[in-house]
Amino acid sequence: MRLVAAALWLGFLMVAPGDSEDSCVYEPLSDEDTMICNRGLEVLYPELGNIGCMFIPDCNNYRQKITQWTKPIVKFSGALDDRKYILVMVDPDAPSRYNPTARFWRHWLVTDIQGTDLKRGKIKGQELSAYQPPSPPAHSGFHRYQFYIYRQEVKTINLLPKENRTRGSWEMDKFLYRFHLKEPEASTQFMMQNYQDSTTFQASREGGF
């Protein structure tokens, strides 16, 4: 009986609320891609909820909507009240996972986030790179969008002039080394492809609607 109840509960979790006609499946990432997901980091978008360690569903036009939404709510329950943190969001698959010549693409970089705010999902601090929504190019396959939380160990964090000139080909490892940032306190990621490459979009074009 417990197994039946568990299966029903899992099925409920995998279907987006409010989708009465077609199932909207939240597909988890592969075991290889879930290794980055740990320690209570949540990334919440409108309508989708917490999308950590998931594919953006191919339904309800979510893969296009997310490219237009403003920044997500990011929560880390393990943040310490009296410490400051850094939030990093990058795409390691620019322009594609099989030819990542522009990795890491810097989508968001915020420093001086108070632990009390991070626990509540209030990302307030010094925004060194304003939020840029995920927008993988068409025909480039699935991209990983990775979020990292680091404990800030030095008072002032900044980008070099050459880092400010472009978001692509960011040498993230050198940035981390420069400010003594070692292992992240928490991390997660989600994956998506351009909405025009999705099976739903292709089917709608073939069907003429």
N, C-alpha and C. Protein backbone atom coordinates (compact mmCIF):
# COMPACT_ATOMS: atom_id res chain seq x y z
N MET A 1 0.83 -1.21 0.00
CA MET A 1 0.00 0.00 0.00
C MET A 1 0.86 1.26 0.00
N ARG A 2 1.96 1.21 0.79
CA ARG A 2 2.86 2.36 0.84
C ARG A 2 3.49 2.62 -0.52
N LEU A 3 3.82 1.55 -1.25
CA LEU A 3 4.43 1.70 -2.57
C LEU A 3 3.46 2.36 -3.55
N VAL A 4 2.18 1.96 -3.47
CA VAL A 4 1.16 2.56 -4.33
C VAL A 4 1.01 4.05 -4.02
N ALA A 5 0.97 4.39 -2.74
CA ALA A 5 0.83 5.80 -2.35
C ALA A 5 2.02 6.61 -2.81
N ALA A 6 3.23 6.03 -2.69
CA ALA A 6 4.44 6.74 -3.12
C ALA A 6 4.43 6.98 -4.61
N ALA A 7 3.99 5.99 -5.37
CA ALA A 7 3.94 6.13 -6.83
C ALA A 7 2.95 7.23 -7.23
N LEU A 8 1.80 7.27 -6.55
CA LEU A 8 0.81 8.30 -6.85
C LEU A 8 1.35 9.69 -6.53
N TRP A 9 2.07 9.81 -5.42
CA TRP A 9 2.64 11.08 -5.01
C TRP A 9 3.70 11.55 -6.00
N LEU A 10 4.55 10.63 -6.47
CA LEU A 10 5.57 10.97 -7.45
C LEU A 10 4.93 11.43 -8.75
N GLY A 11 3.87 10.77 -9.17
CA GLY A 11 3.18 11.16 -10.39
C GLY A 11 2.60 12.55 -10.27
N PHE A 12 2.10 12.90 -9.08
CA PHE A 12 1.57 14.24 -8.85
C PHE A 12 2.65 15.29 -8.96
N LEU A 13 3.84 14.99 -8.43
CA LEU A 13 4.94 15.94 -8.46
C LEU A 13 5.45 16.19 -9.87
N MET A 14 5.33 15.21 -10.75
CA MET A 14 5.90 15.33 -12.08
C MET A 14 4.98 16.00 -13.08
N VAL A 15 3.78 16.43 -12.64
CA VAL A 15 2.84 17.09 -13.54
C VAL A 15 2.64 18.52 -13.08
N ALA A 16 2.80 19.46 -14.00
CA ALA A 16 2.65 20.87 -13.65
C ALA A 16 1.23 21.17 -13.23
N PRO A 17 1.05 21.99 -12.17
CA PRO A 17 -0.30 22.34 -11.74
C PRO A 17 -1.02 23.17 -12.78
N GLY A 18 -2.31 22.96 -12.89
CA GLY A 18 -3.12 23.77 -13.80
C GLY A 18 -3.12 23.29 -15.24
N ASP A 19 -2.48 22.17 -15.50
CA ASP A 19 -2.42 21.68 -16.89
C ASP A 19 -3.45 20.56 -17.02
N SER A 20 -4.63 20.90 -17.52
CA SER A 20 -5.73 19.94 -17.50
C SER A 20 -5.80 19.09 -18.76
N GLU A 21 -5.24 19.58 -19.89
CA GLU A 21 -5.40 18.86 -21.13
C GLU A 21 -4.26 17.88 -21.39
N ASP A 22 -3.05 18.37 -21.36
CA ASP A 22 -1.90 17.53 -21.65
C ASP A 22 -0.98 17.49 -20.44
N SER A 23 -0.38 16.34 -20.20
CA SER A 23 0.55 16.23 -19.10
C SER A 23 1.77 17.09 -19.37
N CYS A 24 2.20 17.79 -18.34
CA CYS A 24 3.39 18.64 -18.44
C CYS A 24 4.44 17.99 -17.54
N VAL A 25 5.29 17.20 -18.12
CA VAL A 25 6.21 16.37 -17.34
C VAL A 25 7.47 17.14 -16.99
N TYR A 26 7.81 17.13 -15.72
CA TYR A 26 9.06 17.69 -15.23
C TYR A 26 10.08 16.56 -15.21
N GLU A 27 10.94 16.54 -16.21
CA GLU A 27 11.88 15.44 -16.35
C GLU A 27 13.19 15.75 -15.62
N PRO A 28 13.63 14.88 -14.73
CA PRO A 28 14.89 15.12 -14.02
C PRO A 28 16.09 14.92 -14.94
N LEU A 29 17.20 15.55 -14.58
CA LEU A 29 18.42 15.40 -15.35
C LEU A 29 19.01 14.01 -15.17
N SER A 30 19.94 13.67 -16.03
CA SER A 30 20.62 12.38 -15.92
C SER A 30 21.49 12.35 -14.67
N ASP A 31 21.89 11.17 -14.25
CA ASP A 31 22.73 11.04 -13.06
C ASP A 31 24.01 11.86 -13.18
N GLU A 32 24.57 11.88 -14.37
CA GLU A 32 25.81 12.65 -14.59
C GLU A 32 25.59 14.14 -14.33
N ASP A 33 24.45 14.65 -14.78
CA ASP A 33 24.19 16.08 -14.65
C ASP A 33 23.63 16.47 -13.29
N THR A 34 23.23 15.49 -12.49
CA THR A 34 22.72 15.83 -11.15
C THR A 34 23.83 15.92 -10.12
N MET A 35 25.05 15.59 -10.49
CA MET A 35 26.15 15.62 -9.52
C MET A 35 26.39 17.04 -8.99
N ILE A 36 26.03 18.04 -9.77
CA ILE A 36 26.23 19.43 -9.35
C ILE A 36 25.16 19.88 -8.36
N CYS A 37 24.06 19.15 -8.29
CA CYS A 37 22.91 19.58 -7.48
C CYS A 37 23.06 19.11 -6.05
N ASN A 38 23.22 20.06 -5.14
CA ASN A 38 23.41 19.65 -3.74
C ASN A 38 23.10 20.78 -2.77
N ARG A 39 22.91 20.39 -1.54
CA ARG A 39 22.88 21.27 -0.37
C ARG A 39 21.83 22.37 -0.38
N GLY A 40 20.64 22.05 -0.82
CA GLY A 40 19.49 22.91 -0.54
C GLY A 40 19.40 24.22 -1.29
N LEU A 41 19.92 24.28 -2.52
CA LEU A 41 19.79 25.49 -3.31
C LEU A 41 18.56 25.39 -4.21
N GLU A 42 17.66 26.37 -4.12
CA GLU A 42 16.43 26.39 -4.91
C GLU A 42 16.47 27.53 -5.91
N VAL A 43 15.99 27.26 -7.13
CA VAL A 43 15.86 28.28 -8.18
C VAL A 43 14.42 28.23 -8.67
N LEU A 44 13.65 29.28 -8.38
CA LEU A 44 12.22 29.27 -8.64
C LEU A 44 11.83 30.32 -9.67
N TYR A 45 11.15 29.86 -10.74
CA TYR A 45 10.64 30.75 -11.78
C TYR A 45 9.11 30.78 -11.71
N PRO A 46 8.50 31.85 -12.25
CA PRO A 46 7.03 31.90 -12.29
C PRO A 46 6.45 30.69 -13.01
N GLU A 47 5.36 30.18 -12.51
CA GLU A 47 4.63 29.05 -13.10
C GLU A 47 5.37 27.72 -12.93
N LEU A 48 6.69 27.73 -13.00
CA LEU A 48 7.46 26.49 -12.96
C LEU A 48 7.77 26.01 -11.56
N GLY A 49 7.95 26.93 -10.62
CA GLY A 49 8.40 26.54 -9.29
C GLY A 49 9.90 26.28 -9.29
N ASN A 50 10.35 25.41 -8.38
CA ASN A 50 11.78 25.10 -8.27
C ASN A 50 12.19 24.18 -9.42
N ILE A 51 13.08 24.68 -10.26
CA ILE A 51 13.47 23.94 -11.47
C ILE A 51 14.87 23.35 -11.33
N GLY A 52 15.42 23.36 -10.13
CA GLY A 52 16.75 22.80 -9.91
C GLY A 52 16.80 21.32 -10.28
N CYS A 53 17.83 20.95 -11.06
CA CYS A 53 18.08 19.56 -11.46
C CYS A 53 17.00 19.01 -12.39
N MET A 54 16.35 19.88 -13.14
CA MET A 54 15.29 19.47 -14.06
C MET A 54 15.53 20.04 -15.46
N PHE A 55 14.88 19.43 -16.47
CA PHE A 55 14.74 20.04 -17.77
C PHE A 55 13.57 21.03 -17.71
N ILE A 56 13.70 22.17 -18.38
CA ILE A 56 12.53 23.04 -18.53
C ILE A 56 11.52 22.28 -19.37
N PRO A 57 10.30 22.07 -18.88
CA PRO A 57 9.33 21.23 -19.59
C PRO A 57 8.99 21.75 -20.98
N ASP A 58 8.75 20.82 -21.88
CA ASP A 58 8.38 21.15 -23.26
C ASP A 58 6.86 21.23 -23.35
N CYS A 59 6.30 22.22 -22.70
CA CYS A 59 4.85 22.40 -22.67
C CYS A 59 4.55 23.82 -22.23
N ASN A 60 3.31 24.26 -22.45
CA ASN A 60 2.86 25.59 -22.00
C ASN A 60 3.77 26.73 -22.44
N ASN A 61 4.56 26.47 -23.49
CA ASN A 61 5.46 27.49 -24.03
C ASN A 61 6.50 27.96 -23.01
N TYR A 62 6.83 27.09 -22.04
CA TYR A 62 7.77 27.47 -20.99
C TYR A 62 9.15 27.82 -21.54
N ARG A 63 9.59 27.10 -22.59
CA ARG A 63 10.94 27.32 -23.09
C ARG A 63 11.09 28.66 -23.81
N GLN A 64 9.99 29.26 -24.17
CA GLN A 64 10.03 30.62 -24.70
C GLN A 64 9.78 31.63 -23.58
N LYS A 65 8.85 31.32 -22.70
CA LYS A 65 8.52 32.24 -21.62
C LYS A 65 9.73 32.56 -20.75
N ILE A 66 10.55 31.55 -20.46
CA ILE A 66 11.65 31.75 -19.53
C ILE A 66 12.68 32.73 -20.09
N THR A 67 12.73 32.86 -21.42
CA THR A 67 13.66 33.81 -22.03
C THR A 67 13.19 35.25 -21.85
N GLN A 68 11.95 35.44 -21.40
CA GLN A 68 11.39 36.78 -21.23
C GLN A 68 11.14 37.13 -19.77
N TRP A 69 11.13 36.13 -18.90
CA TRP A 69 10.91 36.39 -17.48
C TRP A 69 12.08 37.11 -16.85
N THR A 70 11.80 37.83 -15.77
CA THR A 70 12.86 38.47 -15.00
C THR A 70 13.55 37.41 -14.13
N LYS A 71 14.53 37.84 -13.36
CA LYS A 71 15.36 36.91 -12.59
C LYS A 71 14.53 36.04 -11.65
N PRO A 72 14.98 34.82 -11.45
CA PRO A 72 14.26 33.90 -10.57
C PRO A 72 14.50 34.22 -9.10
N ILE A 73 13.71 33.60 -8.25
CA ILE A 73 13.96 33.63 -6.82
C ILE A 73 15.00 32.54 -6.51
N VAL A 74 16.07 32.91 -5.87
CA VAL A 74 17.11 31.94 -5.50
C VAL A 74 17.20 31.89 -3.98
N LYS A 75 17.03 30.71 -3.43
CA LYS A 75 17.05 30.51 -1.97
C LYS A 75 18.10 29.48 -1.59
N PHE A 76 18.80 29.77 -0.50
CA PHE A 76 19.75 28.80 0.06
C PHE A 76 19.50 28.69 1.56
N SER A 77 18.88 27.59 1.95
CA SER A 77 18.48 27.42 3.35
C SER A 77 19.67 27.30 4.29
N GLY A 78 20.83 26.93 3.76
CA GLY A 78 22.01 26.74 4.61
C GLY A 78 22.84 27.99 4.82
N ALA A 79 22.39 29.13 4.33
CA ALA A 79 23.16 30.37 4.49
C ALA A 79 23.22 30.77 5.97
N LEU A 80 24.34 31.30 6.38
CA LEU A 80 24.52 31.78 7.74
C LEU A 80 24.13 33.26 7.82
N ASP A 81 23.37 33.60 8.84
CA ASP A 81 22.81 34.95 8.93
C ASP A 81 23.87 36.05 8.89
N ASP A 82 25.02 35.82 9.52
CA ASP A 82 26.01 36.87 9.68
C ASP A 82 27.12 36.84 8.64
N ARG A 83 26.92 36.09 7.56
CA ARG A 83 27.93 36.02 6.50
C ARG A 83 27.38 36.59 5.21
N LYS A 84 28.33 36.93 4.30
CA LYS A 84 27.95 37.40 2.97
C LYS A 84 28.26 36.34 1.93
N TYR A 85 27.51 36.38 0.81
CA TYR A 85 27.62 35.35 -0.21
C TYR A 85 27.67 35.96 -1.61
N ILE A 86 28.14 35.14 -2.55
CA ILE A 86 28.20 35.51 -3.96
C ILE A 86 27.36 34.52 -4.75
N LEU A 87 26.56 35.02 -5.66
CA LEU A 87 25.75 34.19 -6.55
C LEU A 87 26.31 34.28 -7.97
N VAL A 88 26.56 33.13 -8.57
CA VAL A 88 27.05 33.06 -9.94
C VAL A 88 26.10 32.20 -10.76
N MET A 89 25.69 32.70 -11.93
CA MET A 89 24.90 31.91 -12.88
C MET A 89 25.65 31.91 -14.21
N VAL A 90 25.96 30.73 -14.73
CA VAL A 90 26.73 30.63 -15.97
C VAL A 90 26.15 29.55 -16.88
N ASP A 91 26.47 29.69 -18.16
CA ASP A 91 26.19 28.67 -19.17
C ASP A 91 27.54 28.12 -19.64
N PRO A 92 27.86 26.87 -19.29
CA PRO A 92 29.13 26.29 -19.73
C PRO A 92 29.06 25.73 -21.14
N ASP A 93 27.91 25.85 -21.80
CA ASP A 93 27.69 25.21 -23.10
C ASP A 93 27.51 26.22 -24.24
N ALA A 94 28.12 27.38 -24.10
CA ALA A 94 28.01 28.40 -25.15
C ALA A 94 29.15 28.24 -26.17
N PRO A 95 28.84 28.21 -27.45
CA PRO A 95 27.50 28.26 -28.05
C PRO A 95 26.79 26.91 -28.09
N SER A 96 27.50 25.79 -27.81
CA SER A 96 26.85 24.49 -27.71
C SER A 96 27.67 23.61 -26.78
N ARG A 97 27.03 22.57 -26.29
CA ARG A 97 27.72 21.69 -25.35
C ARG A 97 28.86 20.94 -26.03
N TYR A 98 28.74 20.74 -27.35
CA TYR A 98 29.76 19.97 -28.07
C TYR A 98 30.85 20.86 -28.65
N ASN A 99 30.64 22.17 -28.57
CA ASN A 99 31.65 23.11 -29.05
C ASN A 99 31.61 24.37 -28.18
N PRO A 100 31.97 24.24 -26.90
CA PRO A 100 31.77 25.33 -25.94
C PRO A 100 32.88 26.39 -25.98
N THR A 101 33.07 26.98 -27.15
CA THR A 101 34.18 27.93 -27.31
C THR A 101 33.98 29.22 -26.53
N ALA A 102 32.74 29.52 -26.11
CA ALA A 102 32.48 30.75 -25.36
C ALA A 102 32.15 30.46 -23.89
N ARG A 103 32.50 29.27 -23.40
CA ARG A 103 32.27 29.02 -21.97
C ARG A 103 33.25 29.86 -21.15
N PHE A 104 32.89 30.30 -20.03
CA PHE A 104 31.58 30.26 -19.41
C PHE A 104 30.85 31.56 -19.78
N TRP A 105 29.60 31.44 -20.21
CA TRP A 105 28.82 32.64 -20.47
C TRP A 105 28.20 33.10 -19.15
N ARG A 106 28.51 34.33 -18.76
CA ARG A 106 28.10 34.84 -17.45
C ARG A 106 26.71 35.46 -17.54
N HIS A 107 25.75 34.80 -16.94
CA HIS A 107 24.35 35.26 -16.98
C HIS A 107 23.98 36.15 -15.80
N TRP A 108 24.67 35.97 -14.68
CA TRP A 108 24.28 36.73 -13.49
C TRP A 108 25.43 36.63 -12.49
N LEU A 109 25.77 37.75 -11.87
CA LEU A 109 26.83 37.75 -10.86
C LEU A 109 26.49 38.81 -9.82
N VAL A 110 26.25 38.36 -8.59
CA VAL A 110 25.87 39.26 -7.50
C VAL A 110 26.76 38.97 -6.29
N THR A 111 27.32 40.00 -5.70
CA THR A 111 28.14 39.86 -4.49
C THR A 111 27.46 40.55 -3.32
N ASP A 112 28.05 40.40 -2.13
CA ASP A 112 27.59 41.09 -0.92
C ASP A 112 26.14 40.76 -0.58
N ILE A 113 25.75 39.51 -0.79
CA ILE A 113 24.39 39.08 -0.43
C ILE A 113 24.39 38.65 1.03
N GLN A 114 23.58 39.27 1.84
CA GLN A 114 23.50 38.89 3.25
C GLN A 114 22.86 37.51 3.40
N GLY A 115 23.40 36.72 4.31
CA GLY A 115 22.87 35.39 4.53
C GLY A 115 21.40 35.37 4.89
N THR A 116 20.96 36.34 5.67
CA THR A 116 19.54 36.40 6.05
C THR A 116 18.66 36.60 4.82
N ASP A 117 19.14 37.40 3.87
CA ASP A 117 18.37 37.62 2.64
C ASP A 117 18.38 36.39 1.74
N LEU A 118 19.53 35.75 1.63
CA LEU A 118 19.66 34.56 0.77
C LEU A 118 18.74 33.44 1.25
N LYS A 119 18.59 33.30 2.54
CA LYS A 119 17.70 32.27 3.08
C LYS A 119 16.24 32.52 2.69
N ARG A 120 15.90 33.78 2.49
CA ARG A 120 14.51 34.15 2.14
C ARG A 120 14.30 34.33 0.65
N GLY A 121 15.37 34.17 -0.14
CA GLY A 121 15.24 34.34 -1.57
C GLY A 121 15.29 35.79 -2.02
N LYS A 122 15.88 36.65 -1.21
CA LYS A 122 16.02 38.06 -1.55
C LYS A 122 17.45 38.31 -2.00
N ILE A 123 17.66 38.34 -3.32
CA ILE A 123 19.02 38.53 -3.84
C ILE A 123 19.28 40.03 -3.96
N LYS A 124 19.79 40.58 -2.86
CA LYS A 124 20.13 42.00 -2.81
C LYS A 124 21.62 42.11 -2.52
N GLY A 125 22.31 42.93 -3.30
CA GLY A 125 23.74 43.10 -3.11
C GLY A 125 24.31 43.92 -4.25
N GLN A 126 25.58 43.71 -4.54
CA GLN A 126 26.25 44.40 -5.63
C GLN A 126 26.14 43.54 -6.90
N GLU A 127 25.36 44.01 -7.85
CA GLU A 127 25.14 43.25 -9.08
C GLU A 127 26.21 43.61 -10.10
N LEU A 128 27.22 42.74 -10.22
CA LEU A 128 28.32 42.99 -11.14
C LEU A 128 27.94 42.66 -12.58
N SER A 129 27.05 41.71 -12.76
CA SER A 129 26.49 41.39 -14.08
C SER A 129 24.99 41.22 -13.89
N ALA A 130 24.22 42.10 -14.52
CA ALA A 130 22.77 42.03 -14.39
C ALA A 130 22.25 40.71 -14.97
N TYR A 131 21.12 40.27 -14.44
CA TYR A 131 20.54 39.00 -14.88
C TYR A 131 20.23 39.02 -16.36
N GLN A 132 20.67 37.99 -17.05
CA GLN A 132 20.36 37.77 -18.46
C GLN A 132 19.65 36.42 -18.58
N PRO A 133 18.41 36.40 -19.08
CA PRO A 133 17.66 35.14 -19.12
C PRO A 133 18.35 34.09 -20.00
N PRO A 134 18.11 32.82 -19.70
CA PRO A 134 18.65 31.76 -20.57
C PRO A 134 18.04 31.85 -21.95
N SER A 135 18.87 31.84 -22.96
CA SER A 135 18.37 31.95 -24.35
C SER A 135 19.31 31.21 -25.28
N PRO A 136 19.29 29.88 -25.23
CA PRO A 136 20.19 29.10 -26.09
C PRO A 136 19.87 29.31 -27.57
N PRO A 137 20.89 29.41 -28.41
CA PRO A 137 20.63 29.58 -29.85
C PRO A 137 19.87 28.38 -30.42
N ALA A 138 19.11 28.62 -31.47
CA ALA A 138 18.43 27.52 -32.16
C ALA A 138 19.45 26.55 -32.72
N HIS A 139 19.09 25.29 -32.71
CA HIS A 139 19.90 24.21 -33.28
C HIS A 139 21.24 24.01 -32.54
N SER A 140 21.29 24.41 -31.27
CA SER A 140 22.53 24.23 -30.51
C SER A 140 22.40 23.17 -29.42
N GLY A 141 21.26 22.47 -29.40
CA GLY A 141 21.07 21.41 -28.41
C GLY A 141 20.73 21.97 -27.04
N PHE A 142 20.79 21.10 -26.06
CA PHE A 142 20.48 21.50 -24.69
C PHE A 142 21.67 22.20 -24.05
N HIS A 143 21.36 23.24 -23.28
CA HIS A 143 22.37 23.97 -22.53
C HIS A 143 22.12 23.77 -21.03
N ARG A 144 23.21 23.72 -20.28
CA ARG A 144 23.12 23.69 -18.82
C ARG A 144 23.20 25.13 -18.29
N TYR A 145 22.32 25.45 -17.37
CA TYR A 145 22.37 26.76 -16.71
C TYR A 145 22.65 26.50 -15.24
N GLN A 146 23.87 26.88 -14.83
CA GLN A 146 24.38 26.49 -13.53
C GLN A 146 24.37 27.67 -12.55
N PHE A 147 24.00 27.36 -11.31
CA PHE A 147 23.96 28.34 -10.23
C PHE A 147 24.91 27.89 -9.13
N TYR A 148 25.74 28.82 -8.66
CA TYR A 148 26.68 28.53 -7.58
C TYR A 148 26.55 29.60 -6.50
N ILE A 149 26.65 29.16 -5.26
CA ILE A 149 26.68 30.06 -4.12
C ILE A 149 28.04 29.89 -3.43
N TYR A 150 28.78 31.00 -3.30
CA TYR A 150 30.07 30.99 -2.62
C TYR A 150 30.00 31.89 -1.40
N ARG A 151 30.68 31.48 -0.35
CA ARG A 151 30.80 32.35 0.81
C ARG A 151 31.86 33.41 0.51
N GLN A 152 31.50 34.66 0.70
CA GLN A 152 32.40 35.76 0.36
C GLN A 152 33.43 35.95 1.47
N GLU A 153 34.70 35.80 1.11
CA GLU A 153 35.76 35.86 2.10
C GLU A 153 36.50 37.20 2.12
N VAL A 154 36.38 37.99 1.05
CA VAL A 154 37.05 39.29 1.02
C VAL A 154 36.00 40.38 0.89
N LYS A 155 36.38 41.60 1.27
CA LYS A 155 35.41 42.69 1.35
C LYS A 155 34.93 43.15 -0.01
N THR A 156 35.86 43.32 -0.96
CA THR A 156 35.50 43.90 -2.25
C THR A 156 35.73 42.90 -3.37
N ILE A 157 34.69 42.65 -4.16
CA ILE A 157 34.76 41.77 -5.33
C ILE A 157 34.46 42.61 -6.57
N ASN A 158 35.24 42.44 -7.61
CA ASN A 158 34.98 43.19 -8.83
C ASN A 158 35.41 42.40 -10.05
N LEU A 159 34.98 42.88 -11.21
CA LEU A 159 35.39 42.31 -12.48
C LEU A 159 36.47 43.18 -13.09
N LEU A 160 37.40 42.55 -13.78
CA LEU A 160 38.43 43.30 -14.51
C LEU A 160 37.80 43.99 -15.72
N PRO A 161 38.42 45.07 -16.20
CA PRO A 161 37.88 45.75 -17.39
C PRO A 161 37.64 44.80 -18.56
N LYS A 162 38.55 43.87 -18.80
CA LYS A 162 38.37 42.94 -19.92
C LYS A 162 37.21 41.99 -19.67
N GLU A 163 36.93 41.67 -18.40
CA GLU A 163 35.78 40.81 -18.09
C GLU A 163 34.47 41.55 -18.30
N ASN A 164 34.49 42.85 -18.10
CA ASN A 164 33.28 43.65 -18.28
C ASN A 164 32.94 43.90 -19.74
N ARG A 165 33.90 43.69 -20.62
CA ARG A 165 33.65 43.97 -22.04
C ARG A 165 32.74 42.94 -22.69
N THR A 166 32.74 41.73 -22.16
CA THR A 166 31.91 40.67 -22.73
C THR A 166 31.52 39.68 -21.65
N ARG A 167 30.39 39.02 -21.84
CA ARG A 167 29.96 38.00 -20.89
C ARG A 167 30.51 36.63 -21.26
N GLY A 168 30.82 36.45 -22.56
CA GLY A 168 31.28 35.16 -23.03
C GLY A 168 32.75 34.92 -22.77
N SER A 169 33.13 33.63 -22.81
CA SER A 169 34.52 33.20 -22.60
C SER A 169 35.08 33.73 -21.28
N TRP A 170 34.22 33.75 -20.27
CA TRP A 170 34.64 34.21 -18.95
C TRP A 170 35.50 33.14 -18.29
N GLU A 171 36.67 33.53 -17.86
CA GLU A 171 37.58 32.60 -17.18
C GLU A 171 37.20 32.53 -15.71
N MET A 172 36.15 31.78 -15.46
CA MET A 172 35.56 31.72 -14.13
C MET A 172 36.55 31.20 -13.10
N ASP A 173 37.39 30.24 -13.47
CA ASP A 173 38.34 29.69 -12.53
C ASP A 173 39.33 30.74 -12.05
N LYS A 174 39.74 31.65 -12.92
CA LYS A 174 40.66 32.72 -12.53
C LYS A 174 39.98 33.73 -11.61
N PHE A 175 38.70 34.00 -11.88
CA PHE A 175 37.92 34.88 -10.99
C PHE A 175 37.84 34.28 -9.59
N LEU A 176 37.51 33.00 -9.52
CA LEU A 176 37.40 32.34 -8.22
C LEU A 176 38.73 32.34 -7.48
N TYR A 177 39.81 32.08 -8.20
CA TYR A 177 41.14 32.06 -7.58
C TYR A 177 41.53 33.44 -7.07
N ARG A 178 41.18 34.48 -7.85
CA ARG A 178 41.56 35.85 -7.49
C ARG A 178 40.95 36.27 -6.16
N PHE A 179 39.76 35.76 -5.86
CA PHE A 179 39.08 36.18 -4.64
C PHE A 179 38.97 35.05 -3.61
N HIS A 180 39.84 34.06 -3.75
CA HIS A 180 39.96 32.98 -2.76
C HIS A 180 38.64 32.23 -2.55
N LEU A 181 37.95 32.01 -3.65
CA LEU A 181 36.68 31.27 -3.61
C LEU A 181 36.96 29.83 -4.01
N LYS A 182 36.76 28.93 -3.08
CA LYS A 182 37.10 27.53 -3.34
C LYS A 182 35.84 26.73 -3.69
N GLU A 183 35.48 25.78 -2.86
CA GLU A 183 34.29 24.98 -3.15
C GLU A 183 33.03 25.80 -2.89
N PRO A 184 32.02 25.68 -3.76
CA PRO A 184 30.77 26.41 -3.52
C PRO A 184 30.05 25.86 -2.30
N GLU A 185 29.33 26.73 -1.63
CA GLU A 185 28.50 26.31 -0.51
C GLU A 185 27.32 25.48 -1.00
N ALA A 186 26.85 25.78 -2.20
CA ALA A 186 25.72 25.05 -2.79
C ALA A 186 25.73 25.30 -4.29
N SER A 187 25.10 24.39 -5.02
CA SER A 187 25.04 24.54 -6.48
C SER A 187 23.88 23.72 -7.03
N THR A 188 23.41 24.12 -8.21
CA THR A 188 22.38 23.38 -8.92
C THR A 188 22.40 23.81 -10.37
N GLN A 189 21.59 23.18 -11.20
CA GLN A 189 21.48 23.58 -12.60
C GLN A 189 20.16 23.09 -13.18
N PHE A 190 19.76 23.70 -14.28
CA PHE A 190 18.66 23.17 -15.08
C PHE A 190 19.13 23.15 -16.52
N MET A 191 18.36 22.48 -17.38
CA MET A 191 18.72 22.38 -18.79
C MET A 191 17.53 22.74 -19.67
N MET A 192 17.84 23.33 -20.82
CA MET A 192 16.80 23.63 -21.79
C MET A 192 17.43 23.83 -23.16
N GLN A 193 16.59 23.75 -24.18
CA GLN A 193 17.01 24.05 -25.54
C GLN A 193 16.11 25.17 -26.07
N ASN A 194 16.47 25.72 -27.20
CA ASN A 194 15.67 26.76 -27.82
C ASN A 194 14.26 26.22 -28.10
N TYR A 195 13.26 27.03 -27.83
CA TYR A 195 11.87 26.56 -27.97
C TYR A 195 11.54 26.12 -29.40
N GLN A 196 12.24 26.69 -30.40
CA GLN A 196 11.97 26.31 -31.78
C GLN A 196 12.43 24.88 -32.10
N ASP A 197 13.32 24.36 -31.25
CA ASP A 197 13.81 22.99 -31.45
C ASP A 197 12.98 21.96 -30.71
N SER A 198 12.02 22.39 -29.93
CA SER A 198 11.24 21.47 -29.11
C SER A 198 10.24 20.69 -29.97
N THR A 199 9.90 19.52 -29.51
CA THR A 199 8.96 18.68 -30.25
C THR A 199 7.58 19.31 -30.32
N THR A 200 7.20 20.03 -29.26
CA THR A 200 5.89 20.69 -29.26
C THR A 200 5.81 21.76 -30.34
N PHE A 201 6.86 22.58 -30.45
CA PHE A 201 6.87 23.64 -31.46
C PHE A 201 6.88 23.06 -32.86
N GLN A 202 7.70 22.02 -33.07
CA GLN A 202 7.78 21.40 -34.39
C GLN A 202 6.43 20.79 -34.78
N ALA A 203 5.77 20.15 -33.81
CA ALA A 203 4.47 19.54 -34.09
C ALA A 203 3.43 20.59 -34.44
N SER A 204 3.49 21.76 -33.78
CA SER A 204 2.51 22.81 -34.05
C SER A 204 2.70 23.38 -35.46
N ARG A 205 3.94 23.44 -35.92
CA ARG A 205 4.20 23.95 -37.27
C ARG A 205 3.76 22.93 -38.33
N GLU A 206 4.04 21.67 -38.04
CA GLU A 206 3.63 20.64 -39.00
C GLU A 206 2.13 20.51 -39.07
N GLY A 207 1.45 20.80 -37.94
CA GLY A 207 0.01 20.70 -37.90
C GLY A 207 -0.69 21.92 -38.44
N GLY A 208 0.09 23.00 -38.69
CA GLY A 208 -0.50 24.20 -39.28
C GLY A 208 -1.26 25.05 -38.29
N PHE A 209 -0.87 24.99 -37.00
CA PHE A 209 -1.55 25.86 -36.04
C PHE A 209 -0.55 26.42 -35.06
